[in-house]
Amino acid sequence: MASTLQTQHDTQGGVYTFSSRPRPVPHRAKYRNTAEPLNEEQGSHGNIMYDRRVVRGNTYAQHILPITSQPDPIEFLRQQEARRRAMSKKRLKEQFGTKTPEPLEGRTNIDVQTEMYLEELSDRIEEVSVECQTDMFLDKPATPLFIPAKTGRDAATQIEEGELFDFDVEVQPVLQVLVGKTIEQALLEVMEEEELDNLRAQYRAFIDIRNAELVEVQRLEERERRLRVERENRIKQQKAALEKEKETADKIAARAFAQQYLTDLLPSVYSNLNESGYFYDSVKRDLETGFLPWLMEEVSNTLEKRYVARTVVDQLIRDVTNRRLEAFQQQK
């Protein structure tokens, strides 16, 4: 015995289809022992009416969820994680929870209903057949034609030959113009397509040539870069060699100069110290550093006082002369 389950659900992105592989239905008892853990291979449910993968309601209409009612993926994952934890706690409670103790010797345990309302337990399910016959569809009668009510008065007119519109004569020029314009437009479109094809071919050729030139330019740039790097490295090496050679020559010259300079170091040191004034007469140095600066300072102070006194006298003489000159001019 095999069973196949297929469901379809229309969503905004497409159609969801589920199909389970056919497998034989395992033989199981009508009631499960609550002390035994639930086996996943046996299935968590046996009635497809309680299967969440089966679509409920009208399957012909498209189920479109509004934007505000679409589930949040993060909230959905959080709910799945909480549901998984609750199921794991329930299984652990069923496995390691309180169980019915084992019966004594010579006795057996039986299942007893503990619900509020008792239910008759039987292996055979009651079945009832109900039949219903619907009436045949009757043919719909033909809809009568709608004839509007006649209003107004009838009128007549006389049409002579040649007064009516001659289609062949009147339409021929118009038809010729339409056909000519259509052919001209078609030729223009064909020429435009050919020109576009030529432009595309030229563009493809230009792209190929440009790509080849870009590859060649990149190759030349890479070659120039390698040459520049190699030249810079050679210049650095040459500069390092010259600096090392110069440093060696300076060291040799310094060593020779030091040897030559140290031969008469002591006499030259005494002579330089004597010339620099490190060996001096105490009386002479006292006069130069103590007496002479004091004397010069006193002389400068005296000369400054004399200069100030002369300036004051000159100012007084000038003021007196100016006053006498003003008084003489006023007397005239």
C-alpha atoms as a PDB file:
ATOM      1  CA  MET A   1       0.000   0.000   0.000  1.00  0.00           C
ATOM      2  CA  ALA A   2       1.496   3.344  -1.044  1.00  0.00           C
ATOM      3  CA  SER A   3       0.443   6.927  -0.462  1.00  0.00           C
ATOM      4  CA  THR A   4       1.398  10.139  -2.244  1.00  0.00           C
ATOM      5  CA  LEU A   5       0.887  13.650  -0.874  1.00  0.00           C
ATOM      6  CA  GLN A   6       1.040  16.701  -3.148  1.00  0.00           C
ATOM      7  CA  THR A   7       0.164  20.279  -2.225  1.00  0.00           C
ATOM      8  CA  GLN A   8       0.332  23.540  -4.149  1.00  0.00           C
ATOM      9  CA  HIS A   9       0.278  27.036  -2.727  1.00  0.00           C
ATOM     10  CA  ASP A  10       0.368  30.225  -4.860  1.00  0.00           C
ATOM     11  CA  THR A  11       2.562  32.970  -3.459  1.00  0.00           C
ATOM     12  CA  GLN A  12       3.774  36.271  -4.752  1.00  0.00           C
ATOM     13  CA  GLY A  13       7.043  34.807  -6.026  1.00  0.00           C
ATOM     14  CA  GLY A  14       5.663  31.634  -7.671  1.00  0.00           C
ATOM     15  CA  VAL A  15       4.092  28.262  -6.942  1.00  0.00           C
ATOM     16  CA  TYR A  16       5.177  26.092  -3.988  1.00  0.00           C
ATOM     17  CA  THR A  17       4.970  22.351  -4.672  1.00  0.00           C
ATOM     18  CA  PHE A  18       5.595  19.529  -2.224  1.00  0.00           C
ATOM     19  CA  SER A  19       5.659  15.832  -3.046  1.00  0.00           C
ATOM     20  CA  SER A  20       6.535  13.045  -0.626  1.00  0.00           C
ATOM     21  CA  ARG A  21       8.060   9.805  -1.749  1.00  0.00           C
ATOM     22  CA  PRO A  22       5.687   6.803  -1.746  1.00  0.00           C
ATOM     23  CA  ARG A  23       6.297   4.451   1.163  1.00  0.00           C
ATOM     24  CA  PRO A  24       4.350   1.627   2.800  1.00  0.00           C
ATOM     25  CA  VAL A  25       2.143   2.476   5.723  1.00  0.00           C
ATOM     26  CA  PRO A  26       3.656   0.959   8.897  1.00  0.00           C
ATOM     27  CA  HIS A  27       1.525  -1.225  11.125  1.00  0.00           C
ATOM     28  CA  ARG A  28       0.832   0.470  14.443  1.00  0.00           C
ATOM     29  CA  ALA A  29      -1.545   0.180  17.299  1.00  0.00           C
ATOM     30  CA  LYS A  30      -4.609   2.323  17.674  1.00  0.00           C
ATOM     31  CA  TYR A  31      -3.354   3.927  20.890  1.00  0.00           C
ATOM     32  CA  ARG A  32       0.222   4.836  21.659  1.00  0.00           C
ATOM     33  CA  ASN A  33       1.829   4.189  24.983  1.00  0.00           C
ATOM     34  CA  THR A  34       2.630   7.523  26.597  1.00  0.00           C
ATOM     35  CA  ALA A  35       5.694   6.028  28.294  1.00  0.00           C
ATOM     36  CA  GLU A  36       7.355   5.301  24.929  1.00  0.00           C
ATOM     37  CA  PRO A  37       9.105   8.209  23.136  1.00  0.00           C
ATOM     38  CA  LEU A  38       7.739   9.344  19.779  1.00  0.00           C
ATOM     39  CA  ASN A  39       9.641   7.885  16.817  1.00  0.00           C
ATOM     40  CA  GLU A  40      10.220  10.307  13.966  1.00  0.00           C
ATOM     41  CA  GLU A  41      10.195   7.504  11.360  1.00  0.00           C
ATOM     42  CA  GLN A  42       6.606   6.617  12.300  1.00  0.00           C
ATOM     43  CA  GLY A  43       5.438  10.176  11.559  1.00  0.00           C
ATOM     44  CA  SER A  44       4.298  12.894  13.914  1.00  0.00           C
ATOM     45  CA  HIS A  45       0.682  12.748  12.593  1.00  0.00           C
ATOM     46  CA  GLY A  46      -1.373  10.372  10.533  1.00  0.00           C
ATOM     47  CA  ASN A  47      -4.315  12.582   9.458  1.00  0.00           C
ATOM     48  CA  ILE A  48      -3.548  14.957   6.576  1.00  0.00           C
ATOM     49  CA  MET A  49      -6.304  17.292   7.808  1.00  0.00           C
ATOM     50  CA  TYR A  50      -3.879  18.310  10.577  1.00  0.00           C
ATOM     51  CA  ASP A  51      -0.908  18.612   8.209  1.00  0.00           C
ATOM     52  CA  ARG A  52       0.184  22.238   7.867  1.00  0.00           C
ATOM     53  CA  ARG A  53       1.504  21.577   4.376  1.00  0.00           C
ATOM     54  CA  VAL A  54      -2.041  21.005   3.028  1.00  0.00           C
ATOM     55  CA  VAL A  55      -3.742  24.149   1.692  1.00  0.00           C
ATOM     56  CA  ARG A  56      -7.044  25.098   3.314  1.00  0.00           C
ATOM     57  CA  GLY A  57      -9.848  26.939   1.542  1.00  0.00           C
ATOM     58  CA  ASN A  58     -10.168  27.847  -2.128  1.00  0.00           C
ATOM     59  CA  THR A  59      -7.222  26.544  -4.188  1.00  0.00           C
ATOM     60  CA  TYR A  60      -8.291  28.325  -7.379  1.00  0.00           C
ATOM     61  CA  ALA A  61      -7.756  31.848  -6.113  1.00  0.00           C
ATOM     62  CA  GLN A  62      -4.313  33.280  -5.664  1.00  0.00           C
ATOM     63  CA  HIS A  63      -3.313  33.759  -2.034  1.00  0.00           C
ATOM     64  CA  ILE A  64      -1.540  37.110  -1.941  1.00  0.00           C
ATOM     65  CA  LEU A  65      -0.499  38.434   1.391  1.00  0.00           C
ATOM     66  CA  PRO A  66      -0.519  42.215   1.851  1.00  0.00           C
ATOM     67  CA  ILE A  67       2.776  43.959   2.464  1.00  0.00           C
ATOM     68  CA  THR A  68       1.887  44.747   6.076  1.00  0.00           C
ATOM     69  CA  SER A  69       0.966  41.106   6.872  1.00  0.00           C
ATOM     70  CA  GLN A  70       4.030  39.436   5.367  1.00  0.00           C
ATOM     71  CA  PRO A  71       5.968  37.538   8.060  1.00  0.00           C
ATOM     72  CA  ASP A  72       9.279  38.897   9.203  1.00  0.00           C
ATOM     73  CA  PRO A  73      12.033  36.327   8.460  1.00  0.00           C
ATOM     74  CA  ILE A  74      13.888  37.123  11.691  1.00  0.00           C
ATOM     75  CA  GLU A  75      10.717  36.774  13.779  1.00  0.00           C
ATOM     76  CA  PHE A  76       9.849  33.552  11.928  1.00  0.00           C
ATOM     77  CA  LEU A  77      13.272  32.053  12.706  1.00  0.00           C
ATOM     78  CA  ARG A  78      12.892  33.117  16.355  1.00  0.00           C
ATOM     79  CA  GLN A  79       9.484  31.434  16.560  1.00  0.00           C
ATOM     80  CA  GLN A  80      10.864  28.262  14.965  1.00  0.00           C
ATOM     81  CA  GLU A  81      13.721  28.214  17.483  1.00  0.00           C
ATOM     82  CA  ALA A  82      11.270  28.667  20.409  1.00  0.00           C
ATOM     83  CA  ARG A  83       8.994  25.927  19.006  1.00  0.00           C
ATOM     84  CA  ARG A  84      11.968  23.583  18.613  1.00  0.00           C
ATOM     85  CA  ARG A  85      13.058  24.213  22.210  1.00  0.00           C
ATOM     86  CA  ALA A  86       9.524  23.575  23.492  1.00  0.00           C
ATOM     87  CA  MET A  87       9.347  20.283  21.576  1.00  0.00           C
ATOM     88  CA  SER A  88      12.740  19.191  22.910  1.00  0.00           C
ATOM     89  CA  LYS A  89      11.646  20.045  26.484  1.00  0.00           C
ATOM     90  CA  LYS A  90       8.425  18.092  25.982  1.00  0.00           C
ATOM     91  CA  ARG A  91      10.324  15.030  24.716  1.00  0.00           C
ATOM     92  CA  LEU A  92      12.762  15.185  27.600  1.00  0.00           C
ATOM     93  CA  LYS A  93       9.840  15.452  30.021  1.00  0.00           C
ATOM     94  CA  GLU A  94       8.151  12.435  28.396  1.00  0.00           C
ATOM     95  CA  GLN A  95      11.355  10.398  28.521  1.00  0.00           C
ATOM     96  CA  PHE A  96      12.598  11.356  31.991  1.00  0.00           C
ATOM     97  CA  GLY A  97       9.310  12.435  33.652  1.00  0.00           C
ATOM     98  CA  THR A  98       7.177  10.544  36.080  1.00  0.00           C
ATOM     99  CA  LYS A  99       5.969   7.234  34.654  1.00  0.00           C
ATOM    100  CA  THR A 100       3.477   4.687  35.777  1.00  0.00           C
ATOM    101  CA  PRO A 101       5.195   2.234  38.111  1.00  0.00           C
ATOM    102  CA  GLU A 102       5.607  -1.358  37.003  1.00  0.00           C
ATOM    103  CA  PRO A 103       2.674  -3.654  38.011  1.00  0.00           C
ATOM    104  CA  LEU A 104       3.056  -6.192  40.743  1.00  0.00           C
ATOM    105  CA  GLU A 105       3.495  -9.870  40.001  1.00  0.00           C
ATOM    106  CA  GLY A 106       0.315 -11.336  38.575  1.00  0.00           C
ATOM    107  CA  ARG A 107      -1.189  -7.931  37.662  1.00  0.00           C
ATOM    108  CA  THR A 108      -1.191  -5.762  34.524  1.00  0.00           C
ATOM    109  CA  ASN A 109      -1.671  -2.059  33.809  1.00  0.00           C
ATOM    110  CA  ILE A 110      -4.529  -0.957  31.548  1.00  0.00           C
ATOM    111  CA  ASP A 111      -5.305   2.416  29.928  1.00  0.00           C
ATOM    112  CA  VAL A 112      -7.951   4.372  31.803  1.00  0.00           C
ATOM    113  CA  GLN A 113      -9.596   7.550  30.550  1.00  0.00           C
ATOM    114  CA  THR A 114      -9.059  10.539  32.811  1.00  0.00           C
ATOM    115  CA  GLU A 115     -11.008  13.077  30.761  1.00  0.00           C
ATOM    116  CA  MET A 116     -14.124  14.842  32.037  1.00  0.00           C
ATOM    117  CA  TYR A 117     -16.412  13.138  29.476  1.00  0.00           C
ATOM    118  CA  LEU A 118     -16.084   9.433  28.820  1.00  0.00           C
ATOM    119  CA  GLU A 119     -15.716   8.224  25.247  1.00  0.00           C
ATOM    120  CA  GLU A 120     -16.474   4.743  23.972  1.00  0.00           C
ATOM    121  CA  LEU A 121     -13.357   3.005  22.753  1.00  0.00           C
ATOM    122  CA  SER A 122     -13.659   0.495  19.945  1.00  0.00           C
ATOM    123  CA  ASP A 123     -11.419  -0.825  17.201  1.00  0.00           C
ATOM    124  CA  ARG A 124     -14.102  -0.390  14.554  1.00  0.00           C
ATOM    125  CA  ILE A 125     -15.088   3.103  13.458  1.00  0.00           C
ATOM    126  CA  GLU A 126     -18.751   3.679  12.648  1.00  0.00           C
ATOM    127  CA  GLU A 127     -19.386   4.459   9.000  1.00  0.00           C
ATOM    128  CA  VAL A 128     -22.518   5.907   7.376  1.00  0.00           C
ATOM    129  CA  SER A 129     -23.147   6.264   3.622  1.00  0.00           C
ATOM    130  CA  VAL A 130     -25.186   9.240   2.381  1.00  0.00           C
ATOM    131  CA  GLU A 131     -26.247   9.815  -1.219  1.00  0.00           C
ATOM    132  CA  CYS A 132     -27.524  12.942  -2.950  1.00  0.00           C
ATOM    133  CA  GLN A 133     -28.814  13.501  -6.478  1.00  0.00           C
ATOM    134  CA  THR A 134     -28.788  16.940  -8.097  1.00  0.00           C
ATOM    135  CA  ASP A 135     -31.223  18.108 -10.772  1.00  0.00           C
ATOM    136  CA  MET A 136     -30.231  18.292 -14.423  1.00  0.00           C
ATOM    137  CA  PHE A 137     -29.342  21.721 -15.797  1.00  0.00           C
ATOM    138  CA  LEU A 138     -32.104  23.179 -17.950  1.00  0.00           C
ATOM    139  CA  ASP A 139     -31.276  24.888 -21.233  1.00  0.00           C
ATOM    140  CA  LYS A 140     -31.463  28.637 -21.095  1.00  0.00           C
ATOM    141  CA  PRO A 141     -34.054  30.000 -23.549  1.00  0.00           C
ATOM    142  CA  ALA A 142     -32.828  32.183 -26.388  1.00  0.00           C
ATOM    143  CA  THR A 143     -32.728  35.888 -25.612  1.00  0.00           C
ATOM    144  CA  PRO A 144     -35.197  37.799 -27.791  1.00  0.00           C
ATOM    145  CA  LEU A 145     -33.814  40.493 -30.056  1.00  0.00           C
ATOM    146  CA  PHE A 146     -34.106  44.037 -28.802  1.00  0.00           C
ATOM    147  CA  ILE A 147     -36.216  46.104 -31.143  1.00  0.00           C
ATOM    148  CA  PRO A 148     -36.474  49.740 -30.095  1.00  0.00           C
ATOM    149  CA  ALA A 149     -39.805  51.492 -30.362  1.00  0.00           C
ATOM    150  CA  LYS A 150     -40.325  53.472 -33.538  1.00  0.00           C
ATOM    151  CA  THR A 151     -40.421  57.251 -33.078  1.00  0.00           C
ATOM    152  CA  GLY A 152     -40.806  60.151 -35.493  1.00  0.00           C
ATOM    153  CA  ARG A 153     -42.034  60.221 -39.076  1.00  0.00           C
ATOM    154  CA  ASP A 154     -40.724  58.400 -42.184  1.00  0.00           C
ATOM    155  CA  ALA A 155     -39.060  60.447 -44.947  1.00  0.00           C
ATOM    156  CA  ALA A 156     -37.901  59.572 -48.487  1.00  0.00           C
ATOM    157  CA  THR A 157     -35.527  61.100 -51.073  1.00  0.00           C
ATOM    158  CA  GLN A 158     -34.607  60.529 -54.728  1.00  0.00           C
ATOM    159  CA  ILE A 159     -30.990  59.716 -55.693  1.00  0.00           C
ATOM    160  CA  GLU A 160     -30.001  60.003 -59.354  1.00  0.00           C
ATOM    161  CA  GLU A 161     -27.204  58.064 -61.057  1.00  0.00           C
ATOM    162  CA  GLY A 162     -23.742  59.411 -60.324  1.00  0.00           C
ATOM    163  CA  GLU A 163     -24.658  61.090 -57.039  1.00  0.00           C
ATOM    164  CA  LEU A 164     -23.559  58.193 -54.839  1.00  0.00           C
ATOM    165  CA  PHE A 165     -19.915  57.574 -53.775  1.00  0.00           C
ATOM    166  CA  ASP A 166     -18.003  55.404 -56.347  1.00  0.00           C
ATOM    167  CA  PHE A 167     -15.568  53.380 -54.262  1.00  0.00           C
ATOM    168  CA  ASP A 168     -13.341  52.189 -57.137  1.00  0.00           C
ATOM    169  CA  VAL A 169     -12.926  55.685 -58.572  1.00  0.00           C
ATOM    170  CA  GLU A 170     -12.625  57.668 -55.328  1.00  0.00           C
ATOM    171  CA  VAL A 171     -10.443  55.280 -53.357  1.00  0.00           C
ATOM    172  CA  GLN A 172      -7.870  54.477 -56.065  1.00  0.00           C
ATOM    173  CA  PRO A 173      -5.761  57.678 -55.558  1.00  0.00           C
ATOM    174  CA  VAL A 174      -5.884  57.306 -51.800  1.00  0.00           C
ATOM    175  CA  LEU A 175      -4.892  53.652 -52.101  1.00  0.00           C
ATOM    176  CA  GLN A 176      -1.994  54.516 -54.408  1.00  0.00           C
ATOM    177  CA  VAL A 177      -0.730  57.114 -51.928  1.00  0.00           C
ATOM    178  CA  LEU A 178      -1.022  54.680 -48.989  1.00  0.00           C
ATOM    179  CA  VAL A 179       0.733  51.891 -50.877  1.00  0.00           C
ATOM    180  CA  GLY A 180       3.485  54.254 -52.035  1.00  0.00           C
ATOM    181  CA  LYS A 181       4.027  55.640 -48.531  1.00  0.00           C
ATOM    182  CA  THR A 182       4.045  52.125 -47.071  1.00  0.00           C
ATOM    183  CA  ILE A 183       6.629  50.920 -49.603  1.00  0.00           C
ATOM    184  CA  GLU A 184       8.727  54.051 -49.056  1.00  0.00           C
ATOM    185  CA  GLN A 185       8.588  53.590 -45.267  1.00  0.00           C
ATOM    186  CA  ALA A 186       9.501  49.914 -45.641  1.00  0.00           C
ATOM    187  CA  LEU A 187      12.487  50.790 -47.863  1.00  0.00           C
ATOM    188  CA  LEU A 188      13.575  53.421 -45.344  1.00  0.00           C
ATOM    189  CA  GLU A 189      13.332  50.903 -42.493  1.00  0.00           C
ATOM    190  CA  VAL A 190      15.327  48.333 -44.490  1.00  0.00           C
ATOM    191  CA  MET A 191      18.019  50.936 -45.272  1.00  0.00           C
ATOM    192  CA  GLU A 192      18.064  51.963 -41.617  1.00  0.00           C
ATOM    193  CA  GLU A 193      18.482  48.344 -40.506  1.00  0.00           C
ATOM    194  CA  GLU A 194      21.333  47.861 -43.004  1.00  0.00           C
ATOM    195  CA  GLU A 195      22.975  51.046 -41.761  1.00  0.00           C
ATOM    196  CA  LEU A 196      22.575  49.892 -38.147  1.00  0.00           C
ATOM    197  CA  ASP A 197      24.128  46.531 -39.062  1.00  0.00           C
ATOM    198  CA  ASN A 198      27.068  48.318 -40.679  1.00  0.00           C
ATOM    199  CA  LEU A 199      27.461  50.529 -37.618  1.00  0.00           C
ATOM    200  CA  ARG A 200      27.402  47.481 -35.345  1.00  0.00           C
ATOM    201  CA  ALA A 201      30.007  45.736 -37.509  1.00  0.00           C
ATOM    202  CA  GLN A 202      32.222  48.831 -37.450  1.00  0.00           C
ATOM    203  CA  TYR A 203      31.746  49.132 -33.697  1.00  0.00           C
ATOM    204  CA  ARG A 204      32.700  45.479 -33.179  1.00  0.00           C
ATOM    205  CA  ALA A 205      35.794  45.965 -35.363  1.00  0.00           C
ATOM    206  CA  PHE A 206      36.669  49.114 -33.429  1.00  0.00           C
ATOM    207  CA  ILE A 207      36.226  47.283 -30.122  1.00  0.00           C
ATOM    208  CA  ASP A 208      38.513  44.446 -31.308  1.00  0.00           C
ATOM    209  CA  ILE A 209      41.176  46.911 -32.455  1.00  0.00           C
ATOM    210  CA  ARG A 210      40.899  48.890 -29.230  1.00  0.00           C
ATOM    211  CA  ASN A 211      41.198  45.742 -27.100  1.00  0.00           C
ATOM    212  CA  ALA A 212      44.279  44.677 -29.071  1.00  0.00           C
ATOM    213  CA  GLU A 213      45.798  48.144 -28.632  1.00  0.00           C
ATOM    214  CA  LEU A 214      44.986  48.104 -24.913  1.00  0.00           C
ATOM    215  CA  VAL A 215      46.704  44.743 -24.536  1.00  0.00           C
ATOM    216  CA  GLU A 216      49.757  46.050 -26.406  1.00  0.00           C
ATOM    217  CA  VAL A 217      49.801  49.242 -24.307  1.00  0.00           C
ATOM    218  CA  GLN A 218      49.579  47.201 -21.101  1.00  0.00           C
ATOM    219  CA  ARG A 219      52.452  45.021 -22.289  1.00  0.00           C
ATOM    220  CA  LEU A 220      54.598  48.065 -23.114  1.00  0.00           C
ATOM    221  CA  GLU A 221      53.701  49.709 -19.789  1.00  0.00           C
ATOM    222  CA  GLU A 222      54.648  46.557 -17.917  1.00  0.00           C
ATOM    223  CA  ARG A 223      57.947  46.385 -19.840  1.00  0.00           C
ATOM    224  CA  GLU A 224      58.645  50.065 -19.124  1.00  0.00           C
ATOM    225  CA  ARG A 225      57.826  49.515 -15.456  1.00  0.00           C
ATOM    226  CA  ARG A 226      60.226  46.563 -15.229  1.00  0.00           C
ATOM    227  CA  LEU A 227      62.980  48.587 -16.923  1.00  0.00           C
ATOM    228  CA  ARG A 228      62.364  51.552 -14.622  1.00  0.00           C
ATOM    229  CA  VAL A 229      62.459  49.368 -11.524  1.00  0.00           C
ATOM    230  CA  GLU A 230      65.648  47.670 -12.695  1.00  0.00           C
ATOM    231  CA  ARG A 231      67.263  51.048 -13.499  1.00  0.00           C
ATOM    232  CA  GLU A 232      66.323  52.410 -10.077  1.00  0.00           C
ATOM    233  CA  ASN A 233      67.733  49.316  -8.399  1.00  0.00           C
ATOM    234  CA  ARG A 234      71.011  49.660 -10.345  1.00  0.00           C
ATOM    235  CA  ILE A 235      71.230  53.370  -9.434  1.00  0.00           C
ATOM    236  CA  LYS A 236      70.622  52.556  -5.768  1.00  0.00           C
ATOM    237  CA  GLN A 237      73.311  49.860  -5.867  1.00  0.00           C
ATOM    238  CA  GLN A 238      75.790  52.244  -7.530  1.00  0.00           C
ATOM    239  CA  LYS A 239      75.031  54.995  -5.014  1.00  0.00           C
ATOM    240  CA  ALA A 240      75.486  52.548  -2.145  1.00  0.00           C
ATOM    241  CA  ALA A 241      78.839  51.415  -3.587  1.00  0.00           C
ATOM    242  CA  LEU A 242      80.010  55.027  -4.049  1.00  0.00           C
ATOM    243  CA  GLU A 243      78.925  55.971  -0.525  1.00  0.00           C
ATOM    244  CA  LYS A 244      80.730  52.965   0.896  1.00  0.00           C
ATOM    245  CA  GLU A 245      83.859  53.805  -1.109  1.00  0.00           C
ATOM    246  CA  LYS A 246      83.698  57.437   0.030  1.00  0.00           C
ATOM    247  CA  GLU A 247      83.190  56.375   3.632  1.00  0.00           C
ATOM    248  CA  THR A 248      86.239  54.077   3.398  1.00  0.00           C
ATOM    249  CA  ALA A 249      88.377  56.886   1.915  1.00  0.00           C
ATOM    250  CA  ASP A 250      87.232  59.273   4.661  1.00  0.00           C
ATOM    251  CA  LYS A 251      88.104  56.711   7.300  1.00  0.00           C
ATOM    252  CA  ILE A 252      91.607  56.218   5.791  1.00  0.00           C
ATOM    253  CA  ALA A 253      92.192  59.986   5.558  1.00  0.00           C
ATOM    254  CA  ALA A 254      90.962  60.522   9.113  1.00  0.00           C
ATOM    255  CA  ARG A 255      93.255  57.764  10.365  1.00  0.00           C
ATOM    256  CA  ALA A 256      96.285  59.276   8.594  1.00  0.00           C
ATOM    257  CA  PHE A 257      95.411  62.778   9.803  1.00  0.00           C
ATOM    258  CA  ALA A 258      94.978  61.516  13.357  1.00  0.00           C
ATOM    259  CA  GLN A 259      98.342  59.774  13.293  1.00  0.00           C
ATOM    260  CA  GLN A 260     100.054  62.880  11.896  1.00  0.00           C
ATOM    261  CA  TYR A 261      98.231  65.175  14.292  1.00  0.00           C
ATOM    262  CA  LEU A 262      99.008  63.131  17.397  1.00  0.00           C
ATOM    263  CA  THR A 263     102.796  63.211  16.784  1.00  0.00           C
ATOM    264  CA  ASP A 264     103.192  66.812  18.042  1.00  0.00           C
ATOM    265  CA  LEU A 265      99.980  67.027  20.037  1.00  0.00           C
ATOM    266  CA  LEU A 266     101.489  68.035  23.371  1.00  0.00           C
ATOM    267  CA  PRO A 267     103.559  71.045  22.169  1.00  0.00           C
ATOM    268  CA  SER A 268     100.760  72.273  19.965  1.00  0.00           C
ATOM    269  CA  VAL A 269      98.252  71.969  22.828  1.00  0.00           C
ATOM    270  CA  TYR A 270     100.408  74.091  25.165  1.00  0.00           C
ATOM    271  CA  SER A 271     101.033  76.667  22.488  1.00  0.00           C
ATOM    272  CA  ASN A 272      97.327  76.853  21.614  1.00  0.00           C
ATOM    273  CA  LEU A 273      96.359  77.176  25.280  1.00  0.00           C
ATOM    274  CA  ASN A 274      98.914  79.930  25.732  1.00  0.00           C
ATOM    275  CA  GLU A 275      97.719  81.749  22.628  1.00  0.00           C
ATOM    276  CA  SER A 276      94.079  81.325  23.707  1.00  0.00           C
ATOM    277  CA  GLY A 277      94.836  82.959  27.061  1.00  0.00           C
ATOM    278  CA  TYR A 278      94.461  80.064  29.403  1.00  0.00           C
ATOM    279  CA  PHE A 279      97.944  80.857  30.882  1.00  0.00           C
ATOM    280  CA  TYR A 280      97.669  84.547  32.069  1.00  0.00           C
ATOM    281  CA  ASP A 281      99.025  87.026  34.697  1.00  0.00           C
ATOM    282  CA  SER A 282      96.659  87.432  37.642  1.00  0.00           C
ATOM    283  CA  VAL A 283      97.415  91.182  38.148  1.00  0.00           C
ATOM    284  CA  LYS A 284      96.979  91.970  34.486  1.00  0.00           C
ATOM    285  CA  ARG A 285      93.773  89.935  34.298  1.00  0.00           C
ATOM    286  CA  ASP A 286      92.462  91.652  37.453  1.00  0.00           C
ATOM    287  CA  LEU A 287      93.104  95.052  35.891  1.00  0.00           C
ATOM    288  CA  GLU A 288      91.479  94.065  32.621  1.00  0.00           C
ATOM    289  CA  THR A 289      88.399  92.407  34.147  1.00  0.00           C
ATOM    290  CA  GLY A 290      87.854  94.457  37.321  1.00  0.00           C
ATOM    291  CA  PHE A 291      89.438  97.937  37.283  1.00  0.00           C
ATOM    292  CA  LEU A 292      89.189  98.980  33.661  1.00  0.00           C
ATOM    293  CA  PRO A 293      85.441  98.152  33.250  1.00  0.00           C
ATOM    294  CA  TRP A 294      84.688 100.077  36.495  1.00  0.00           C
ATOM    295  CA  LEU A 295      86.736 103.042  35.333  1.00  0.00           C
ATOM    296  CA  MET A 296      85.037 103.107  31.953  1.00  0.00           C
ATOM    297  CA  GLU A 297      81.602 102.942  33.601  1.00  0.00           C
ATOM    298  CA  GLU A 298      82.428 105.875  35.941  1.00  0.00           C
ATOM    299  CA  VAL A 299      83.775 107.949  33.065  1.00  0.00           C
ATOM    300  CA  SER A 300      80.631 107.216  31.052  1.00  0.00           C
ATOM    301  CA  ASN A 301      78.394 108.290  33.971  1.00  0.00           C
ATOM    302  CA  THR A 302      80.342 111.534  34.466  1.00  0.00           C
ATOM    303  CA  LEU A 303      80.232 112.385  30.757  1.00  0.00           C
ATOM    304  CA  GLU A 304      76.482 111.616  30.690  1.00  0.00           C
ATOM    305  CA  LYS A 305      75.850 113.967  33.630  1.00  0.00           C
ATOM    306  CA  ARG A 306      77.879 116.726  31.930  1.00  0.00           C
ATOM    307  CA  TYR A 307      75.932 116.201  28.707  1.00  0.00           C
ATOM    308  CA  VAL A 308      72.632 116.452  30.581  1.00  0.00           C
ATOM    309  CA  ALA A 309      73.782 119.647  32.382  1.00  0.00           C
ATOM    310  CA  ARG A 310      74.878 121.257  29.120  1.00  0.00           C
ATOM    311  CA  THR A 311      71.564 120.337  27.523  1.00  0.00           C
ATOM    312  CA  VAL A 312      69.606 121.943  30.389  1.00  0.00           C
ATOM    313  CA  VAL A 313      71.736 125.155  30.237  1.00  0.00           C
ATOM    314  CA  ASP A 314      71.306 125.382  26.472  1.00  0.00           C
ATOM    315  CA  GLN A 315      67.531 124.995  26.864  1.00  0.00           C
ATOM    316  CA  LEU A 316      67.398 127.759  29.491  1.00  0.00           C
ATOM    317  CA  ILE A 317      69.482 130.103  27.337  1.00  0.00           C
ATOM    318  CA  ARG A 318      67.225 129.399  24.373  1.00  0.00           C
ATOM    319  CA  ASP A 319      64.063 130.073  26.415  1.00  0.00           C
ATOM    320  CA  VAL A 320      65.447 133.372  27.790  1.00  0.00           C
ATOM    321  CA  THR A 321      66.536 134.517  24.331  1.00  0.00           C
ATOM    322  CA  ASN A 322      63.145 133.737  22.837  1.00  0.00           C
ATOM    323  CA  ARG A 323      61.310 135.652  25.584  1.00  0.00           C
ATOM    324  CA  ARG A 324      63.555 138.733  25.190  1.00  0.00           C
ATOM    325  CA  LEU A 325      63.058 138.616  21.430  1.00  0.00           C
ATOM    326  CA  GLU A 326      59.287 138.487  21.833  1.00  0.00           C
ATOM    327  CA  ALA A 327      59.372 141.388  24.338  1.00  0.00           C
ATOM    328  CA  PHE A 328      61.541 143.499  21.983  1.00  0.00           C
ATOM    329  CA  GLN A 329      59.231 142.859  19.070  1.00  0.00           C
ATOM    330  CA  GLN A 330      56.199 143.873  21.163  1.00  0.00           C
ATOM    331  CA  GLN A 331      57.895 147.231  22.150  1.00  0.00           C
ATOM    332  CA  LYS A 332      58.357 148.163  18.493  1.00  0.00           C
END
